[in-house]
Amino acid sequence: MVVIMVSNEEKICCNCQYFCEYFVYNERHQIFSPCDAGRCTRVKTRLKCRIVYQKACEDFKGRNANE
């Protein structure tokens, strides 16, 4: 397992409000664990597959501080 530290100000996909991270269900521990992947919901005609720490596109919009 690799841990990547990022700040909230970095312009990467996981800090964008349009990014939805994927999760997998662990039946043994009965919890959902985040994956290193997700999708961008900004483009309405199709979904863009993204990696959590990928540099953000031109449509980047930061998340609110209270999320």
C-alpha atoms as a PDB file:
ATOM      1  CA  MET A   1       0.000   0.000   0.000  1.00  0.00           C
ATOM      2  CA  VAL A   2       1.312   3.415  -0.977  1.00  0.00           C
ATOM      3  CA  VAL A   3       0.376   6.556   0.940  1.00  0.00           C
ATOM      4  CA  ILE A   4       0.544   9.839  -0.964  1.00  0.00           C
ATOM      5  CA  MET A   5       0.338  13.085   0.976  1.00  0.00           C
ATOM      6  CA  VAL A   6      -1.313  16.035  -0.791  1.00  0.00           C
ATOM      7  CA  SER A   7      -2.340  19.458   0.410  1.00  0.00           C
ATOM      8  CA  ASN A   8      -5.872  20.788  -0.006  1.00  0.00           C
ATOM      9  CA  GLU A   9      -4.564  23.572  -2.258  1.00  0.00           C
ATOM     10  CA  GLU A  10      -2.971  21.300  -4.885  1.00  0.00           C
ATOM     11  CA  LYS A  11      -4.723  21.219  -8.249  1.00  0.00           C
ATOM     12  CA  ILE A  12      -5.190  17.468  -8.533  1.00  0.00           C
ATOM     13  CA  CYS A  13      -8.324  15.447  -9.212  1.00  0.00           C
ATOM     14  CA  CYS A  14      -9.031  14.370  -5.618  1.00  0.00           C
ATOM     15  CA  ASN A  15      -9.318  18.057  -4.600  1.00  0.00           C
ATOM     16  CA  CYS A  16     -11.861  18.893  -7.313  1.00  0.00           C
ATOM     17  CA  GLN A  17     -15.589  19.066  -6.574  1.00  0.00           C
ATOM     18  CA  TYR A  18     -16.353  17.214  -9.839  1.00  0.00           C
ATOM     19  CA  PHE A  19     -14.283  14.156  -8.841  1.00  0.00           C
ATOM     20  CA  CYS A  20     -16.099  11.060  -7.516  1.00  0.00           C
ATOM     21  CA  GLU A  21     -13.783   8.484  -5.993  1.00  0.00           C
ATOM     22  CA  TYR A  22     -14.432   4.764  -6.402  1.00  0.00           C
ATOM     23  CA  PHE A  23     -14.734   2.479  -3.371  1.00  0.00           C
ATOM     24  CA  VAL A  24     -14.603  -1.310  -2.987  1.00  0.00           C
ATOM     25  CA  TYR A  25     -16.446  -3.291  -0.335  1.00  0.00           C
ATOM     26  CA  ASN A  26     -14.355  -5.478   1.970  1.00  0.00           C
ATOM     27  CA  GLU A  27     -16.705  -8.255   3.094  1.00  0.00           C
ATOM     28  CA  ARG A  28     -14.326  -9.579   5.740  1.00  0.00           C
ATOM     29  CA  HIS A  29     -14.215  -6.261   7.635  1.00  0.00           C
ATOM     30  CA  GLN A  30     -17.587  -5.007   6.330  1.00  0.00           C
ATOM     31  CA  ILE A  31     -16.241  -1.609   5.290  1.00  0.00           C
ATOM     32  CA  PHE A  32     -15.790   0.367   2.077  1.00  0.00           C
ATOM     33  CA  SER A  33     -12.196   1.204   1.163  1.00  0.00           C
ATOM     34  CA  PRO A  34     -11.234   3.971  -1.281  1.00  0.00           C
ATOM     35  CA  CYS A  35      -9.459   3.059  -4.523  1.00  0.00           C
ATOM     36  CA  ASP A  36      -6.835   5.130  -6.311  1.00  0.00           C
ATOM     37  CA  ALA A  37      -9.306   5.868  -9.097  1.00  0.00           C
ATOM     38  CA  GLY A  38     -12.524   7.709  -9.778  1.00  0.00           C
ATOM     39  CA  ARG A  39     -14.376   9.686 -12.395  1.00  0.00           C
ATOM     40  CA  CYS A  40     -14.865  13.289 -13.432  1.00  0.00           C
ATOM     41  CA  THR A  41     -18.515  14.304 -13.666  1.00  0.00           C
ATOM     42  CA  ARG A  42     -17.846  17.703 -15.285  1.00  0.00           C
ATOM     43  CA  VAL A  43     -18.317  16.401 -18.822  1.00  0.00           C
ATOM     44  CA  LYS A  44     -22.042  15.638 -19.162  1.00  0.00           C
ATOM     45  CA  THR A  45     -21.863  13.616 -22.392  1.00  0.00           C
ATOM     46  CA  ARG A  46     -19.379  11.093 -20.973  1.00  0.00           C
ATOM     47  CA  LEU A  47     -17.393  10.315 -17.850  1.00  0.00           C
ATOM     48  CA  LYS A  48     -13.643  10.780 -17.677  1.00  0.00           C
ATOM     49  CA  CYS A  49     -11.750   8.096 -15.750  1.00  0.00           C
ATOM     50  CA  ARG A  50      -9.187   9.682 -13.442  1.00  0.00           C
ATOM     51  CA  ILE A  51      -6.496   8.717 -10.954  1.00  0.00           C
ATOM     52  CA  VAL A  52      -6.738  10.354  -7.518  1.00  0.00           C
ATOM     53  CA  TYR A  53      -3.379  12.158  -7.708  1.00  0.00           C
ATOM     54  CA  GLN A  54      -3.570  13.056 -11.422  1.00  0.00           C
ATOM     55  CA  LYS A  55      -3.062  16.724 -12.346  1.00  0.00           C
ATOM     56  CA  ALA A  56      -6.398  18.457 -12.717  1.00  0.00           C
ATOM     57  CA  CYS A  57      -7.839  19.569 -16.042  1.00  0.00           C
ATOM     58  CA  GLU A  58      -8.878  23.099 -17.021  1.00  0.00           C
ATOM     59  CA  ASP A  59     -12.341  22.515 -15.471  1.00  0.00           C
ATOM     60  CA  PHE A  60     -10.862  22.190 -11.938  1.00  0.00           C
ATOM     61  CA  LYS A  61     -13.000  23.698  -9.194  1.00  0.00           C
ATOM     62  CA  GLY A  62     -11.813  23.353  -5.589  1.00  0.00           C
ATOM     63  CA  ARG A  63     -13.938  21.702  -2.940  1.00  0.00           C
ATOM     64  CA  ASN A  64     -15.531  23.734  -0.160  1.00  0.00           C
ATOM     65  CA  ALA A  65     -13.661  23.752   3.130  1.00  0.00           C
ATOM     66  CA  ASN A  66     -16.633  22.215   4.980  1.00  0.00           C
ATOM     67  CA  GLU A  67     -16.852  19.086   2.779  1.00  0.00           C
END
